[in-house]
Amino acid sequence: MLLAFPIPVLAAVRRDCIASWGDFTVGCADWLAPEPQAVLDWCRRAMPVRA
C-alpha cells in the first residue's frame, strides 16, 4: 500500500539485513553510501523544492 502514494521513505538497514531488504523491496530501493552528503543528495532528488 505504501507504493500507492508518492512519498519517499528513507530507511537504515544493517549490513547483515541488506540481502533480505533487497528481496523485500523488489528493486524499488535506492542504495546510498553511508556518507551524509549521499543522504542529502537523495533527499534533494526525492523531495524537490517546489516554487
Protein backbone atom coordinates (compact mmCIF):
# COMPACT_ATOMS: atom_id res chain seq x y z
CA MET A 1 0.00 0.00 0.00
CA LEU A 2 2.91 2.32 0.68
CA LEU A 3 3.82 2.31 -3.00
CA ALA A 4 0.38 3.71 -3.86
CA PHE A 5 1.46 7.11 -2.53
CA PRO A 6 4.41 9.12 -3.91
CA ILE A 7 6.05 9.55 -0.52
CA PRO A 8 9.79 8.84 -0.34
CA VAL A 9 10.92 6.77 2.64
CA LEU A 10 14.47 6.65 3.98
CA ALA A 11 15.39 3.55 5.98
CA ALA A 12 18.67 2.50 7.54
CA VAL A 13 19.48 -1.19 7.09
CA ARG A 14 22.09 -3.16 9.00
CA ARG A 15 24.75 -4.84 6.88
CA ASP A 16 23.52 -8.32 7.84
CA CYS A 17 20.00 -7.44 6.61
CA ILE A 18 20.88 -5.92 3.21
CA ALA A 19 20.07 -9.07 1.20
CA SER A 20 16.69 -9.51 2.92
CA TRP A 21 15.85 -5.83 2.48
CA GLY A 22 16.69 -6.07 -1.21
CA ASP A 23 14.35 -9.06 -1.54
CA PHE A 24 11.60 -7.22 0.34
CA THR A 25 11.81 -4.04 -1.74
CA VAL A 26 11.88 -5.99 -5.04
CA GLY A 27 14.17 -3.50 -6.77
CA CYS A 28 12.38 -0.36 -5.53
CA ALA A 29 15.20 0.67 -3.19
CA ASP A 30 17.95 3.20 -3.88
CA TRP A 31 21.17 2.15 -2.17
CA LEU A 32 23.07 5.05 -0.63
CA ALA A 33 26.62 5.39 0.57
CA PRO A 34 26.76 5.91 4.35
CA GLU A 35 28.12 9.44 3.98
CA PRO A 36 25.94 12.43 4.96
CA GLN A 37 26.33 14.02 1.51
CA ALA A 38 24.84 10.93 -0.17
CA VAL A 39 21.80 11.17 2.10
CA LEU A 40 21.41 14.90 1.44
CA ASP A 41 21.65 14.33 -2.31
CA TRP A 42 18.97 11.62 -2.10
CA CYS A 43 16.70 13.95 -0.11
CA ARG A 44 17.07 16.68 -2.71
CA ARG A 45 16.21 14.24 -5.52
CA ALA A 46 13.33 12.62 -3.63
CA MET A 47 11.76 15.84 -2.36
CA PRO A 48 12.47 18.67 -4.78
CA VAL A 49 11.62 22.19 -3.66
CA ARG A 50 8.52 23.48 -5.37
CA ALA A 51 8.41 27.15 -6.22
